Amino acid sequence: AMQWKKCPSCQARVELREGCNHIRCVCGNDFCFVCGRDWRPGASNCETGCSLFRRLPATDEEGNEIWDDLDPIINGATRLLDGLIQHLARAWQ
């Protein structure tokens, strides 16, 4: 489902169809789609700690939520990707 919000800097409408909550507006402002606060450069969350990706309800066959089991994997992958992005950014300078 598409969602629209306004950029806190220029008030342009931005759309989130899928992917992460980190938004870069056409004006260059980086912000969190969830709470609207500034996005920290090189970080995997915003100033208030909203997660990089929005969670969808996930349950196993018995109806138990499985996010607790996946959190360490998601967090580890996010840190790994953040490190890789920072390494590549330094290498391209």
C-alpha atoms as a PDB file:
ATOM      1  CA  ALA A   1       0.000   0.000   0.000  1.00  0.00           C
ATOM      2  CA  MET A   2       1.277   3.440  -0.879  1.00  0.00           C
ATOM      3  CA  GLN A   3       1.657   6.053   1.811  1.00  0.00           C
ATOM      4  CA  TRP A   4       2.283   9.780   1.436  1.00  0.00           C
ATOM      5  CA  LYS A   5       3.868  12.271   3.805  1.00  0.00           C
ATOM      6  CA  LYS A   6       5.285  15.764   3.493  1.00  0.00           C
ATOM      7  CA  CYS A   7       8.986  16.488   3.717  1.00  0.00           C
ATOM      8  CA  PRO A   8       9.617  18.392   6.968  1.00  0.00           C
ATOM      9  CA  SER A   9      12.059  20.670   5.134  1.00  0.00           C
ATOM     10  CA  CYS A  10      10.304  21.695   1.896  1.00  0.00           C
ATOM     11  CA  GLN A  11       6.788  20.279   2.350  1.00  0.00           C
ATOM     12  CA  ALA A  12       7.008  18.289  -0.913  1.00  0.00           C
ATOM     13  CA  ARG A  13       4.962  15.105  -0.905  1.00  0.00           C
ATOM     14  CA  VAL A  14       6.983  11.900  -0.717  1.00  0.00           C
ATOM     15  CA  GLU A  15       5.735   8.396  -1.242  1.00  0.00           C
ATOM     16  CA  LEU A  16       6.785   5.132   0.378  1.00  0.00           C
ATOM     17  CA  ARG A  17       5.760   2.085  -1.603  1.00  0.00           C
ATOM     18  CA  GLU A  18       8.199  -0.404  -0.145  1.00  0.00           C
ATOM     19  CA  GLY A  19      11.661  -0.589   1.301  1.00  0.00           C
ATOM     20  CA  CYS A  20      13.223   1.272   4.159  1.00  0.00           C
ATOM     21  CA  ASN A  21      11.918   4.196   6.199  1.00  0.00           C
ATOM     22  CA  HIS A  22      14.921   6.387   5.289  1.00  0.00           C
ATOM     23  CA  ILE A  23      13.652   9.010   2.828  1.00  0.00           C
ATOM     24  CA  ARG A  24      15.764  11.388   0.771  1.00  0.00           C
ATOM     25  CA  CYS A  25      13.558  14.158  -0.591  1.00  0.00           C
ATOM     26  CA  VAL A  26      14.191  15.932  -3.899  1.00  0.00           C
ATOM     27  CA  CYS A  27      15.356  18.910  -1.797  1.00  0.00           C
ATOM     28  CA  GLY A  28      18.144  16.724  -0.352  1.00  0.00           C
ATOM     29  CA  ASN A  29      16.660  16.406   3.139  1.00  0.00           C
ATOM     30  CA  ASP A  30      17.087  12.968   4.756  1.00  0.00           C
ATOM     31  CA  PHE A  31      14.335  12.059   7.191  1.00  0.00           C
ATOM     32  CA  CYS A  32      12.435   9.172   8.774  1.00  0.00           C
ATOM     33  CA  PHE A  33       9.155   8.336   7.041  1.00  0.00           C
ATOM     34  CA  VAL A  34       7.709   7.033  10.333  1.00  0.00           C
ATOM     35  CA  CYS A  35       8.289  10.013  12.650  1.00  0.00           C
ATOM     36  CA  GLY A  36       9.601  12.791  10.359  1.00  0.00           C
ATOM     37  CA  ARG A  37      12.796  13.378  12.358  1.00  0.00           C
ATOM     38  CA  ASP A  38      16.233  13.794  10.781  1.00  0.00           C
ATOM     39  CA  TRP A  39      17.965  10.657   9.597  1.00  0.00           C
ATOM     40  CA  ARG A  40      21.447  10.241  11.009  1.00  0.00           C
ATOM     41  CA  PRO A  41      24.091   9.950   8.263  1.00  0.00           C
ATOM     42  CA  GLY A  42      25.412   6.409   8.005  1.00  0.00           C
ATOM     43  CA  ALA A  43      22.979   5.130  10.628  1.00  0.00           C
ATOM     44  CA  SER A  44      20.472   2.313  10.465  1.00  0.00           C
ATOM     45  CA  ASN A  45      17.806   4.327  12.298  1.00  0.00           C
ATOM     46  CA  CYS A  46      16.595   7.871  12.846  1.00  0.00           C
ATOM     47  CA  GLU A  47      17.106  10.230  15.794  1.00  0.00           C
ATOM     48  CA  THR A  48      14.264   8.633  17.754  1.00  0.00           C
ATOM     49  CA  GLY A  49      15.292   5.055  16.966  1.00  0.00           C
ATOM     50  CA  CYS A  50      12.591   4.055  14.466  1.00  0.00           C
ATOM     51  CA  SER A  51      13.656   0.885  12.682  1.00  0.00           C
ATOM     52  CA  LEU A  52      15.078   1.015   9.179  1.00  0.00           C
ATOM     53  CA  PHE A  53      12.374  -1.277   7.829  1.00  0.00           C
ATOM     54  CA  ARG A  54       8.750  -1.340   8.804  1.00  0.00           C
ATOM     55  CA  ARG A  55       7.581  -4.590  10.208  1.00  0.00           C
ATOM     56  CA  LEU A  56       4.742  -6.598   8.798  1.00  0.00           C
ATOM     57  CA  PRO A  57       2.821  -8.953  11.069  1.00  0.00           C
ATOM     58  CA  ALA A  58       4.572 -12.303  10.946  1.00  0.00           C
ATOM     59  CA  THR A  59       3.410 -15.480  12.629  1.00  0.00           C
ATOM     60  CA  ASP A  60       4.346 -19.118  12.515  1.00  0.00           C
ATOM     61  CA  GLU A  61       1.919 -22.019  11.949  1.00  0.00           C
ATOM     62  CA  GLU A  62       0.605 -21.753  15.526  1.00  0.00           C
ATOM     63  CA  GLY A  63       0.006 -18.002  15.290  1.00  0.00           C
ATOM     64  CA  ASN A  64       3.056 -17.018  17.375  1.00  0.00           C
ATOM     65  CA  GLU A  65       4.891 -13.869  16.361  1.00  0.00           C
ATOM     66  CA  ILE A  66       8.323 -14.687  14.974  1.00  0.00           C
ATOM     67  CA  TRP A  67       9.938 -11.221  14.966  1.00  0.00           C
ATOM     68  CA  ASP A  68      11.764 -11.838  18.222  1.00  0.00           C
ATOM     69  CA  ASP A  69      13.585 -14.716  16.539  1.00  0.00           C
ATOM     70  CA  LEU A  70      14.447 -12.621  13.482  1.00  0.00           C
ATOM     71  CA  ASP A  71      15.552  -9.415  15.214  1.00  0.00           C
ATOM     72  CA  PRO A  72      19.167 -10.502  15.840  1.00  0.00           C
ATOM     73  CA  ILE A  73      19.501 -11.609  12.215  1.00  0.00           C
ATOM     74  CA  ILE A  74      17.987  -8.393  10.842  1.00  0.00           C
ATOM     75  CA  ASN A  75      20.082  -6.211  13.155  1.00  0.00           C
ATOM     76  CA  GLY A  76      23.278  -8.075  12.264  1.00  0.00           C
ATOM     77  CA  ALA A  77      22.583  -7.795   8.540  1.00  0.00           C
ATOM     78  CA  THR A  78      21.820  -4.088   8.898  1.00  0.00           C
ATOM     79  CA  ARG A  79      25.118  -3.457  10.723  1.00  0.00           C
ATOM     80  CA  LEU A  80      27.002  -5.468   8.100  1.00  0.00           C
ATOM     81  CA  LEU A  81      25.434  -3.489   5.251  1.00  0.00           C
ATOM     82  CA  ASP A  82      26.046  -0.174   7.023  1.00  0.00           C
ATOM     83  CA  GLY A  83      29.729  -1.070   7.382  1.00  0.00           C
ATOM     84  CA  LEU A  84      29.966  -2.089   3.742  1.00  0.00           C
ATOM     85  CA  ILE A  85      28.322   1.143   2.581  1.00  0.00           C
ATOM     86  CA  GLN A  86      30.705   3.232   4.697  1.00  0.00           C
ATOM     87  CA  HIS A  87      33.698   1.252   3.382  1.00  0.00           C
ATOM     88  CA  LEU A  88      32.596   1.742  -0.235  1.00  0.00           C
ATOM     89  CA  ALA A  89      31.958   5.458   0.339  1.00  0.00           C
ATOM     90  CA  ARG A  90      35.516   5.895   1.667  1.00  0.00           C
ATOM     91  CA  ALA A  91      36.955   3.868  -1.222  1.00  0.00           C
ATOM     92  CA  TRP A  92      35.175   6.060  -3.795  1.00  0.00           C
ATOM     93  CA  GLN A  93      36.412   9.337  -2.303  1.00  0.00           C
END
